[in-house]
Amino acid sequence: MSTTISEPLDLSSIFSFKSILLKLIGVICAVVAIKGFMIPNHFLDGGLLGISILLHEFYHIAVWVPLLLLNIPFVVIGYKRIGKNFAFHSLLSLIFLGIALIFLPIPEVTKDHFLVAAFGGVFVGLGIGFVIRSGGVIDGLEIIAEFTNKKFGLTTSEIIMAINTTIFLIIAIFLGLEKAMYSILTFFTAVKVSDYVVDGFEKLISLTIISPNSEIVKSMIVNDFNKAITTYKGERGNLPGSYGVKHDCDIIVAVVTRLEVHKIKKAIAKKDPKAFMFVQNINEVGGGLLSKKHGH
């Protein structure tokens, strides 16, 4: 039974200047990592890229061949589970990547193992991040992790880490422990860089405030900083030494970016030094006003 998401194919988005530019930047960064750092020094990464380089090491197959072939089933899964536009964005990105791997000449940049692991990871992360910003992926593990996440309740990071742990164990057994450790460093760097490229300065944070002057705080966040808030009822008090002393209060929650959170906290503390505040990172947000501002 087909579960393809019913959505119109938006060719204007897929072939827009911004989308193509982001894909090309991402693909060039990925090729620099693969041909300039990793393959000449026999280094690997996680994901399908790591498997493709592993097959290249063992069987001397051009790395673009397994990379494209391994990704095709995941593009099909993405078409059925995520949508047509996502699948076409990913397919176009993979075509660009295959062409660039064949025709783009990239010289070896360095032989220093630490620099290869670090900057190879940086360029892989930039490549993955920019392609994701364009609407697709160049590593199908992101697709299967997203599907498994929804089906089994595990986080995407947990699933990808489990798969990559298996890859790193194979590297340790066949290529040595040192190669495996450098590959883990490359993978970790790539993940952090790609997360930053995707989230950027718009990484969302939940700011919670409990204040005896809640009306002042609410007015400031909404009117001065133009941010939406959610308020729910709670109690403040019950402190050590005065347990049982409590007061009804409004608990205020606002979703802000990482650049906004510091100045909002500073402004609240200036107005109400007794305000209690804490922040939480948000992995995913959807619906309401935020979807209109940050949705793709």
C-alpha atoms as a PDB file:
ATOM      1  CA  MET A   1       0.000   0.000   0.000  1.00  0.00           C
ATOM      2  CA  SER A   2       1.514   3.335  -1.077  1.00  0.00           C
ATOM      3  CA  THR A   3       2.102   5.977   1.574  1.00  0.00           C
ATOM      4  CA  THR A   4       3.377   8.683  -0.741  1.00  0.00           C
ATOM      5  CA  ILE A   5       2.595  12.107   0.706  1.00  0.00           C
ATOM      6  CA  SER A   6       0.180  13.922  -1.576  1.00  0.00           C
ATOM      7  CA  GLU A   7       1.823  17.212  -2.515  1.00  0.00           C
ATOM      8  CA  PRO A   8       2.209  19.096  -5.793  1.00  0.00           C
ATOM      9  CA  LEU A   9       5.652  18.990  -7.374  1.00  0.00           C
ATOM     10  CA  ASP A  10       7.059  22.526  -7.051  1.00  0.00           C
ATOM     11  CA  LEU A  11       9.554  22.764  -9.923  1.00  0.00           C
ATOM     12  CA  SER A  12       9.975  26.505  -9.419  1.00  0.00           C
ATOM     13  CA  SER A  13      11.325  25.814  -5.929  1.00  0.00           C
ATOM     14  CA  ILE A  14      13.518  22.892  -6.995  1.00  0.00           C
ATOM     15  CA  PHE A  15      15.139  24.867  -9.837  1.00  0.00           C
ATOM     16  CA  SER A  16      15.160  28.260  -8.156  1.00  0.00           C
ATOM     17  CA  PHE A  17      18.425  30.219  -8.160  1.00  0.00           C
ATOM     18  CA  LYS A  18      18.786  29.994  -4.376  1.00  0.00           C
ATOM     19  CA  SER A  19      18.125  26.253  -4.309  1.00  0.00           C
ATOM     20  CA  ILE A  20      20.598  25.516  -7.109  1.00  0.00           C
ATOM     21  CA  LEU A  21      23.240  27.814  -5.590  1.00  0.00           C
ATOM     22  CA  LEU A  22      22.989  26.151  -2.165  1.00  0.00           C
ATOM     23  CA  LYS A  23      23.210  22.708  -3.779  1.00  0.00           C
ATOM     24  CA  LEU A  24      26.294  23.686  -5.795  1.00  0.00           C
ATOM     25  CA  ILE A  25      28.038  25.199  -2.761  1.00  0.00           C
ATOM     26  CA  GLY A  26      27.223  22.089  -0.720  1.00  0.00           C
ATOM     27  CA  VAL A  27      28.387  19.709  -3.437  1.00  0.00           C
ATOM     28  CA  ILE A  28      31.673  21.586  -3.976  1.00  0.00           C
ATOM     29  CA  CYS A  29      32.381  21.540  -0.220  1.00  0.00           C
ATOM     30  CA  ALA A  30      31.664  17.784  -0.088  1.00  0.00           C
ATOM     31  CA  VAL A  31      33.944  17.102  -3.070  1.00  0.00           C
ATOM     32  CA  VAL A  32      36.745  19.168  -1.513  1.00  0.00           C
ATOM     33  CA  ALA A  33      36.432  16.989   1.607  1.00  0.00           C
ATOM     34  CA  ILE A  34      36.333  13.715  -0.313  1.00  0.00           C
ATOM     35  CA  LYS A  35      39.036  14.359  -2.929  1.00  0.00           C
ATOM     36  CA  GLY A  36      41.185  16.939  -1.144  1.00  0.00           C
ATOM     37  CA  PHE A  37      41.335  15.418   2.329  1.00  0.00           C
ATOM     38  CA  MET A  38      39.825  11.974   2.789  1.00  0.00           C
ATOM     39  CA  ILE A  39      40.561   9.708  -0.183  1.00  0.00           C
ATOM     40  CA  PRO A  40      44.265  10.682  -0.602  1.00  0.00           C
ATOM     41  CA  ASN A  41      44.878   9.976   3.091  1.00  0.00           C
ATOM     42  CA  HIS A  42      42.618   6.890   3.301  1.00  0.00           C
ATOM     43  CA  PHE A  43      40.322   8.565   5.828  1.00  0.00           C
ATOM     44  CA  LEU A  44      36.653   7.778   6.240  1.00  0.00           C
ATOM     45  CA  ASP A  45      33.501   9.409   7.548  1.00  0.00           C
ATOM     46  CA  GLY A  46      30.242   7.977   8.826  1.00  0.00           C
ATOM     47  CA  GLY A  47      27.050   7.410   6.857  1.00  0.00           C
ATOM     48  CA  LEU A  48      26.804   6.374   3.236  1.00  0.00           C
ATOM     49  CA  LEU A  49      29.843   8.498   2.418  1.00  0.00           C
ATOM     50  CA  GLY A  50      31.892   6.410   4.848  1.00  0.00           C
ATOM     51  CA  ILE A  51      30.576   3.170   3.342  1.00  0.00           C
ATOM     52  CA  SER A  52      31.319   4.439  -0.184  1.00  0.00           C
ATOM     53  CA  ILE A  53      34.911   5.371   0.697  1.00  0.00           C
ATOM     54  CA  LEU A  54      35.279   1.993   2.453  1.00  0.00           C
ATOM     55  CA  LEU A  55      34.192   0.215  -0.756  1.00  0.00           C
ATOM     56  CA  HIS A  56      36.620   2.423  -2.691  1.00  0.00           C
ATOM     57  CA  GLU A  57      39.430   1.386  -0.327  1.00  0.00           C
ATOM     58  CA  PHE A  58      38.654  -2.331  -0.551  1.00  0.00           C
ATOM     59  CA  TYR A  59      37.652  -2.696  -4.209  1.00  0.00           C
ATOM     60  CA  HIS A  60      39.055   0.473  -5.867  1.00  0.00           C
ATOM     61  CA  ILE A  61      35.632   1.476  -7.187  1.00  0.00           C
ATOM     62  CA  ALA A  62      35.205   5.151  -8.056  1.00  0.00           C
ATOM     63  CA  VAL A  63      33.623   6.594  -4.934  1.00  0.00           C
ATOM     64  CA  TRP A  64      30.749   8.253  -6.821  1.00  0.00           C
ATOM     65  CA  VAL A  65      29.402   4.872  -7.977  1.00  0.00           C
ATOM     66  CA  PRO A  66      28.527   3.352  -4.564  1.00  0.00           C
ATOM     67  CA  LEU A  67      27.617   6.788  -3.197  1.00  0.00           C
ATOM     68  CA  LEU A  68      24.909   7.258  -5.822  1.00  0.00           C
ATOM     69  CA  LEU A  69      23.739   3.627  -5.864  1.00  0.00           C
ATOM     70  CA  LEU A  70      23.468   3.435  -2.062  1.00  0.00           C
ATOM     71  CA  ASN A  71      21.503   6.684  -1.932  1.00  0.00           C
ATOM     72  CA  ILE A  72      18.906   5.784  -4.585  1.00  0.00           C
ATOM     73  CA  PRO A  73      16.850   3.437  -2.318  1.00  0.00           C
ATOM     74  CA  PHE A  74      16.748   6.132   0.345  1.00  0.00           C
ATOM     75  CA  VAL A  75      15.577   8.716  -2.171  1.00  0.00           C
ATOM     76  CA  VAL A  76      12.728   6.333  -3.019  1.00  0.00           C
ATOM     77  CA  ILE A  77      11.907   6.011   0.697  1.00  0.00           C
ATOM     78  CA  GLY A  78      12.010   9.801   0.981  1.00  0.00           C
ATOM     79  CA  TYR A  79       9.627  10.084  -1.974  1.00  0.00           C
ATOM     80  CA  LYS A  80       7.137   7.766  -0.258  1.00  0.00           C
ATOM     81  CA  ARG A  81       7.538   8.935   3.330  1.00  0.00           C
ATOM     82  CA  ILE A  82       8.486  12.605   3.136  1.00  0.00           C
ATOM     83  CA  GLY A  83       7.324  13.933  -0.222  1.00  0.00           C
ATOM     84  CA  LYS A  84       7.981  14.444  -3.933  1.00  0.00           C
ATOM     85  CA  ASN A  85       9.769  17.755  -3.589  1.00  0.00           C
ATOM     86  CA  PHE A  86      12.183  16.423  -0.986  1.00  0.00           C
ATOM     87  CA  ALA A  87      12.978  13.410  -3.182  1.00  0.00           C
ATOM     88  CA  PHE A  88      13.590  15.556  -6.281  1.00  0.00           C
ATOM     89  CA  HIS A  89      15.750  18.006  -4.321  1.00  0.00           C
ATOM     90  CA  SER A  90      17.813  15.050  -3.066  1.00  0.00           C
ATOM     91  CA  LEU A  91      18.057  13.407  -6.495  1.00  0.00           C
ATOM     92  CA  LEU A  92      19.236  16.646  -8.105  1.00  0.00           C
ATOM     93  CA  SER A  93      21.812  17.107  -5.326  1.00  0.00           C
ATOM     94  CA  LEU A  94      23.125  13.576  -5.885  1.00  0.00           C
ATOM     95  CA  ILE A  95      23.380  14.143  -9.643  1.00  0.00           C
ATOM     96  CA  PHE A  96      25.396  17.316  -9.016  1.00  0.00           C
ATOM     97  CA  LEU A  97      27.588  15.407  -6.550  1.00  0.00           C
ATOM     98  CA  GLY A  98      28.256  12.569  -8.999  1.00  0.00           C
ATOM     99  CA  ILE A  99      29.182  15.007 -11.797  1.00  0.00           C
ATOM    100  CA  ALA A 100      31.444  17.019  -9.482  1.00  0.00           C
ATOM    101  CA  LEU A 101      33.213  13.889  -8.209  1.00  0.00           C
ATOM    102  CA  ILE A 102      33.941  12.851 -11.798  1.00  0.00           C
ATOM    103  CA  PHE A 103      34.968  16.165 -13.348  1.00  0.00           C
ATOM    104  CA  LEU A 104      36.036  18.555 -10.559  1.00  0.00           C
ATOM    105  CA  PRO A 105      39.831  18.337 -10.022  1.00  0.00           C
ATOM    106  CA  ILE A 106      40.742  18.801  -6.366  1.00  0.00           C
ATOM    107  CA  PRO A 107      44.401  18.390  -5.325  1.00  0.00           C
ATOM    108  CA  GLU A 108      45.421  16.832  -2.027  1.00  0.00           C
ATOM    109  CA  VAL A 109      45.414  19.611   0.571  1.00  0.00           C
ATOM    110  CA  THR A 110      47.482  18.130   3.427  1.00  0.00           C
ATOM    111  CA  LYS A 111      48.881  14.892   4.799  1.00  0.00           C
ATOM    112  CA  ASP A 112      48.635  15.894   8.451  1.00  0.00           C
ATOM    113  CA  HIS A 113      46.233  13.400  10.007  1.00  0.00           C
ATOM    114  CA  PHE A 114      44.678  15.785  12.485  1.00  0.00           C
ATOM    115  CA  LEU A 115      44.116  18.467   9.835  1.00  0.00           C
ATOM    116  CA  VAL A 116      42.620  15.884   7.488  1.00  0.00           C
ATOM    117  CA  ALA A 117      40.192  14.669  10.172  1.00  0.00           C
ATOM    118  CA  ALA A 118      39.270  18.165  11.334  1.00  0.00           C
ATOM    119  CA  PHE A 119      38.979  20.033   8.030  1.00  0.00           C
ATOM    120  CA  GLY A 120      37.671  17.003   6.168  1.00  0.00           C
ATOM    121  CA  GLY A 121      34.853  16.966   8.720  1.00  0.00           C
ATOM    122  CA  VAL A 122      34.342  20.725   8.346  1.00  0.00           C
ATOM    123  CA  PHE A 123      33.916  20.501   4.576  1.00  0.00           C
ATOM    124  CA  VAL A 124      31.694  17.405   4.805  1.00  0.00           C
ATOM    125  CA  GLY A 125      29.532  19.242   7.342  1.00  0.00           C
ATOM    126  CA  LEU A 126      29.354  22.326   5.128  1.00  0.00           C
ATOM    127  CA  GLY A 127      28.376  20.153   2.176  1.00  0.00           C
ATOM    128  CA  ILE A 128      25.635  18.289   4.024  1.00  0.00           C
ATOM    129  CA  GLY A 129      24.381  21.466   5.699  1.00  0.00           C
ATOM    130  CA  PHE A 130      24.079  23.561   2.538  1.00  0.00           C
ATOM    131  CA  VAL A 131      22.325  20.752   0.664  1.00  0.00           C
ATOM    132  CA  ILE A 132      19.846  20.371   3.539  1.00  0.00           C
ATOM    133  CA  ARG A 133      19.252  24.142   3.415  1.00  0.00           C
ATOM    134  CA  SER A 134      18.445  23.718  -0.282  1.00  0.00           C
ATOM    135  CA  GLY A 135      15.750  21.134   0.518  1.00  0.00           C
ATOM    136  CA  GLY A 136      17.464  17.774  -0.022  1.00  0.00           C
ATOM    137  CA  VAL A 137      20.155  15.466   1.348  1.00  0.00           C
ATOM    138  CA  ILE A 138      23.292  13.786   0.004  1.00  0.00           C
ATOM    139  CA  ASP A 139      23.396  11.100   2.686  1.00  0.00           C
ATOM    140  CA  GLY A 140      20.380   8.785   2.764  1.00  0.00           C
ATOM    141  CA  LEU A 141      20.937   7.840   6.403  1.00  0.00           C
ATOM    142  CA  GLU A 142      19.210  11.115   7.291  1.00  0.00           C
ATOM    143  CA  ILE A 143      16.093   9.817   5.508  1.00  0.00           C
ATOM    144  CA  ILE A 144      16.015   6.373   7.104  1.00  0.00           C
ATOM    145  CA  ALA A 145      16.762   7.920  10.498  1.00  0.00           C
ATOM    146  CA  GLU A 146      13.830  10.328  10.089  1.00  0.00           C
ATOM    147  CA  PHE A 147      11.520   7.431   9.176  1.00  0.00           C
ATOM    148  CA  THR A 148      12.783   5.209  12.014  1.00  0.00           C
ATOM    149  CA  ASN A 149      12.510   8.131  14.419  1.00  0.00           C
ATOM    150  CA  LYS A 150       8.785   8.430  13.694  1.00  0.00           C
ATOM    151  CA  LYS A 151       8.212   4.667  13.762  1.00  0.00           C
ATOM    152  CA  PHE A 152      10.162   3.654  16.874  1.00  0.00           C
ATOM    153  CA  GLY A 153      10.408   6.879  18.885  1.00  0.00           C
ATOM    154  CA  LEU A 154      14.212   7.057  18.836  1.00  0.00           C
ATOM    155  CA  THR A 155      15.877  10.351  18.059  1.00  0.00           C
ATOM    156  CA  THR A 156      17.506  10.847  14.665  1.00  0.00           C
ATOM    157  CA  SER A 157      20.893  11.321  16.377  1.00  0.00           C
ATOM    158  CA  GLU A 158      20.570   8.015  18.251  1.00  0.00           C
ATOM    159  CA  ILE A 159      19.754   6.111  15.069  1.00  0.00           C
ATOM    160  CA  ILE A 160      22.555   7.665  13.039  1.00  0.00           C
ATOM    161  CA  MET A 161      25.021   7.091  15.882  1.00  0.00           C
ATOM    162  CA  ALA A 162      24.042   3.394  16.105  1.00  0.00           C
ATOM    163  CA  ILE A 163      24.548   2.905  12.361  1.00  0.00           C
ATOM    164  CA  ASN A 164      27.832   4.797  12.340  1.00  0.00           C
ATOM    165  CA  THR A 165      29.148   2.899  15.364  1.00  0.00           C
ATOM    166  CA  THR A 166      28.854  -0.255  13.267  1.00  0.00           C
ATOM    167  CA  ILE A 167      30.758   1.454  10.436  1.00  0.00           C
ATOM    168  CA  PHE A 168      33.516   2.585  12.809  1.00  0.00           C
ATOM    169  CA  LEU A 169      33.855  -0.923  14.259  1.00  0.00           C
ATOM    170  CA  ILE A 170      34.389  -2.276  10.730  1.00  0.00           C
ATOM    171  CA  ILE A 171      37.007   0.428  10.126  1.00  0.00           C
ATOM    172  CA  ALA A 172      38.766  -0.494  13.385  1.00  0.00           C
ATOM    173  CA  ILE A 173      38.835  -4.196  12.494  1.00  0.00           C
ATOM    174  CA  PHE A 174      40.021  -3.873   8.892  1.00  0.00           C
ATOM    175  CA  LEU A 175      41.936  -0.567   8.779  1.00  0.00           C
ATOM    176  CA  GLY A 176      43.138  -0.209  12.361  1.00  0.00           C
ATOM    177  CA  LEU A 177      42.060   1.554  15.532  1.00  0.00           C
ATOM    178  CA  GLU A 178      43.822   4.818  14.658  1.00  0.00           C
ATOM    179  CA  LYS A 179      41.876   5.176  11.392  1.00  0.00           C
ATOM    180  CA  ALA A 180      38.654   4.480  13.279  1.00  0.00           C
ATOM    181  CA  MET A 181      39.414   7.170  15.866  1.00  0.00           C
ATOM    182  CA  TYR A 182      40.234   9.736  13.191  1.00  0.00           C
ATOM    183  CA  SER A 183      37.028   8.764  11.356  1.00  0.00           C
ATOM    184  CA  ILE A 184      35.027   9.393  14.540  1.00  0.00           C
ATOM    185  CA  LEU A 185      36.659  12.833  14.810  1.00  0.00           C
ATOM    186  CA  THR A 186      35.762  13.569  11.173  1.00  0.00           C
ATOM    187  CA  PHE A 187      32.182  12.435  11.720  1.00  0.00           C
ATOM    188  CA  PHE A 188      31.769  14.437  14.938  1.00  0.00           C
ATOM    189  CA  THR A 189      33.122  17.593  13.283  1.00  0.00           C
ATOM    190  CA  ALA A 190      30.855  17.102  10.256  1.00  0.00           C
ATOM    191  CA  VAL A 191      27.766  16.695  12.458  1.00  0.00           C
ATOM    192  CA  LYS A 192      28.486  19.858  14.448  1.00  0.00           C
ATOM    193  CA  VAL A 193      29.235  21.951  11.359  1.00  0.00           C
ATOM    194  CA  SER A 194      26.177  20.698   9.439  1.00  0.00           C
ATOM    195  CA  ASP A 195      23.950  21.410  12.456  1.00  0.00           C
ATOM    196  CA  TYR A 196      25.288  24.949  12.615  1.00  0.00           C
ATOM    197  CA  VAL A 197      24.806  25.514   8.877  1.00  0.00           C
ATOM    198  CA  VAL A 198      21.227  24.201   9.023  1.00  0.00           C
ATOM    199  CA  ASP A 199      20.210  25.954  12.250  1.00  0.00           C
ATOM    200  CA  GLY A 200      22.512  28.978  11.951  1.00  0.00           C
ATOM    201  CA  PHE A 201      21.741  31.922  14.160  1.00  0.00           C
ATOM    202  CA  GLU A 202      18.076  30.953  14.038  1.00  0.00           C
ATOM    203  CA  LYS A 203      18.554  27.989  16.361  1.00  0.00           C
ATOM    204  CA  LEU A 204      15.422  28.117  18.495  1.00  0.00           C
ATOM    205  CA  ILE A 205      15.455  28.160  22.280  1.00  0.00           C
ATOM    206  CA  SER A 206      12.623  27.976  24.782  1.00  0.00           C
ATOM    207  CA  LEU A 207      12.866  30.704  27.429  1.00  0.00           C
ATOM    208  CA  THR A 208      10.759  30.168  30.565  1.00  0.00           C
ATOM    209  CA  ILE A 209      10.224  32.994  33.058  1.00  0.00           C
ATOM    210  CA  ILE A 210       8.610  32.903  36.500  1.00  0.00           C
ATOM    211  CA  SER A 211       8.210  36.411  37.852  1.00  0.00           C
ATOM    212  CA  PRO A 212       6.113  38.159  40.532  1.00  0.00           C
ATOM    213  CA  ASN A 213       5.752  40.952  37.961  1.00  0.00           C
ATOM    214  CA  SER A 214       4.477  38.750  35.157  1.00  0.00           C
ATOM    215  CA  GLU A 215       2.416  41.461  33.446  1.00  0.00           C
ATOM    216  CA  ILE A 216       5.484  43.670  33.020  1.00  0.00           C
ATOM    217  CA  VAL A 217       7.482  40.737  31.644  1.00  0.00           C
ATOM    218  CA  LYS A 218       4.715  39.672  29.250  1.00  0.00           C
ATOM    219  CA  SER A 219       4.298  43.196  27.946  1.00  0.00           C
ATOM    220  CA  MET A 220       8.044  43.578  27.414  1.00  0.00           C
ATOM    221  CA  ILE A 221       8.446  40.316  25.463  1.00  0.00           C
ATOM    222  CA  VAL A 222       5.416  40.907  23.250  1.00  0.00           C
ATOM    223  CA  ASN A 223       5.588  44.679  22.708  1.00  0.00           C
ATOM    224  CA  ASP A 224       9.300  45.462  22.989  1.00  0.00           C
ATOM    225  CA  PHE A 225      10.726  42.316  21.375  1.00  0.00           C
ATOM    226  CA  ASN A 226       7.775  41.393  19.138  1.00  0.00           C
ATOM    227  CA  LYS A 227       7.764  37.757  20.312  1.00  0.00           C
ATOM    228  CA  ALA A 228       4.738  35.550  20.897  1.00  0.00           C
ATOM    229  CA  ILE A 229       4.331  34.018  24.364  1.00  0.00           C
ATOM    230  CA  THR A 230       2.429  31.199  25.998  1.00  0.00           C
ATOM    231  CA  THR A 231       1.260  31.556  29.611  1.00  0.00           C
ATOM    232  CA  TYR A 232       0.134  28.837  31.950  1.00  0.00           C
ATOM    233  CA  LYS A 233      -0.795  28.906  35.628  1.00  0.00           C
ATOM    234  CA  GLY A 234       1.544  27.721  38.339  1.00  0.00           C
ATOM    235  CA  GLU A 235       2.851  28.345  41.821  1.00  0.00           C
ATOM    236  CA  ARG A 236       6.030  30.003  43.004  1.00  0.00           C
ATOM    237  CA  GLY A 237       7.432  29.632  46.479  1.00  0.00           C
ATOM    238  CA  ASN A 238       7.961  26.421  48.489  1.00  0.00           C
ATOM    239  CA  LEU A 239      11.552  27.462  49.150  1.00  0.00           C
ATOM    240  CA  PRO A 240      13.903  25.778  51.624  1.00  0.00           C
ATOM    241  CA  GLY A 241      13.144  27.167  55.074  1.00  0.00           C
ATOM    242  CA  SER A 242       9.739  28.457  54.018  1.00  0.00           C
ATOM    243  CA  TYR A 243       8.039  25.402  52.622  1.00  0.00           C
ATOM    244  CA  GLY A 244       4.321  25.931  52.320  1.00  0.00           C
ATOM    245  CA  VAL A 245       4.650  29.621  51.519  1.00  0.00           C
ATOM    246  CA  LYS A 246       3.483  29.871  47.946  1.00  0.00           C
ATOM    247  CA  HIS A 247       1.753  32.216  45.539  1.00  0.00           C
ATOM    248  CA  ASP A 248      -0.156  31.762  42.325  1.00  0.00           C
ATOM    249  CA  CYS A 249       1.718  33.019  39.315  1.00  0.00           C
ATOM    250  CA  ASP A 250       1.849  33.036  35.532  1.00  0.00           C
ATOM    251  CA  ILE A 251       4.595  30.910  33.968  1.00  0.00           C
ATOM    252  CA  ILE A 252       5.668  32.585  30.724  1.00  0.00           C
ATOM    253  CA  VAL A 253       7.208  30.685  27.818  1.00  0.00           C
ATOM    254  CA  ALA A 254       8.653  32.310  24.695  1.00  0.00           C
ATOM    255  CA  VAL A 255      10.442  30.648  21.775  1.00  0.00           C
ATOM    256  CA  VAL A 256      13.365  32.820  20.670  1.00  0.00           C
ATOM    257  CA  THR A 257      16.558  32.496  18.631  1.00  0.00           C
ATOM    258  CA  ARG A 258      19.958  32.046  20.212  1.00  0.00           C
ATOM    259  CA  LEU A 259      20.867  35.656  19.339  1.00  0.00           C
ATOM    260  CA  GLU A 260      17.738  37.030  20.968  1.00  0.00           C
ATOM    261  CA  VAL A 261      17.815  35.058  24.195  1.00  0.00           C
ATOM    262  CA  HIS A 262      20.675  36.983  25.853  1.00  0.00           C
ATOM    263  CA  LYS A 263      19.259  40.462  25.268  1.00  0.00           C
ATOM    264  CA  ILE A 264      15.758  39.373  26.349  1.00  0.00           C
ATOM    265  CA  LYS A 265      17.105  37.825  29.565  1.00  0.00           C
ATOM    266  CA  LYS A 266      19.156  40.949  30.243  1.00  0.00           C
ATOM    267  CA  ALA A 267      16.125  43.216  29.731  1.00  0.00           C
ATOM    268  CA  ILE A 268      13.941  41.070  32.013  1.00  0.00           C
ATOM    269  CA  ALA A 269      16.608  40.990  34.741  1.00  0.00           C
ATOM    270  CA  LYS A 270      16.877  44.786  34.575  1.00  0.00           C
ATOM    271  CA  LYS A 271      13.098  45.215  34.992  1.00  0.00           C
ATOM    272  CA  ASP A 272      12.706  42.442  37.563  1.00  0.00           C
ATOM    273  CA  PRO A 273      15.902  41.237  39.303  1.00  0.00           C
ATOM    274  CA  LYS A 274      13.846  38.573  41.142  1.00  0.00           C
ATOM    275  CA  ALA A 275      12.632  36.896  37.945  1.00  0.00           C
ATOM    276  CA  PHE A 276      13.579  33.218  37.653  1.00  0.00           C
ATOM    277  CA  MET A 277      14.548  32.200  34.124  1.00  0.00           C
ATOM    278  CA  PHE A 278      15.806  29.073  32.394  1.00  0.00           C
ATOM    279  CA  VAL A 279      16.427  28.119  28.773  1.00  0.00           C
ATOM    280  CA  GLN A 280      16.048  24.848  26.884  1.00  0.00           C
ATOM    281  CA  ASN A 281      17.244  23.878  23.435  1.00  0.00           C
ATOM    282  CA  ILE A 282      14.493  22.922  20.994  1.00  0.00           C
ATOM    283  CA  ASN A 283      15.068  20.073  18.536  1.00  0.00           C
ATOM    284  CA  GLU A 284      11.903  20.649  16.534  1.00  0.00           C
ATOM    285  CA  VAL A 285       9.110  23.192  16.366  1.00  0.00           C
ATOM    286  CA  GLY A 286       6.016  23.406  14.202  1.00  0.00           C
ATOM    287  CA  GLY A 287       2.683  25.143  13.916  1.00  0.00           C
ATOM    288  CA  GLY A 288       1.460  28.596  14.827  1.00  0.00           C
ATOM    289  CA  LEU A 289       3.360  31.806  14.213  1.00  0.00           C
ATOM    290  CA  LEU A 290       6.773  30.142  14.115  1.00  0.00           C
ATOM    291  CA  SER A 291       5.861  28.007  11.129  1.00  0.00           C
ATOM    292  CA  LYS A 292       5.067  31.145   9.149  1.00  0.00           C
ATOM    293  CA  LYS A 293       8.368  32.755  10.112  1.00  0.00           C
ATOM    294  CA  HIS A 294      10.741  29.796   9.952  1.00  0.00           C
ATOM    295  CA  GLY A 295       9.033  27.208   7.781  1.00  0.00           C
ATOM    296  CA  HIS A 296      10.530  26.079   4.456  1.00  0.00           C
END
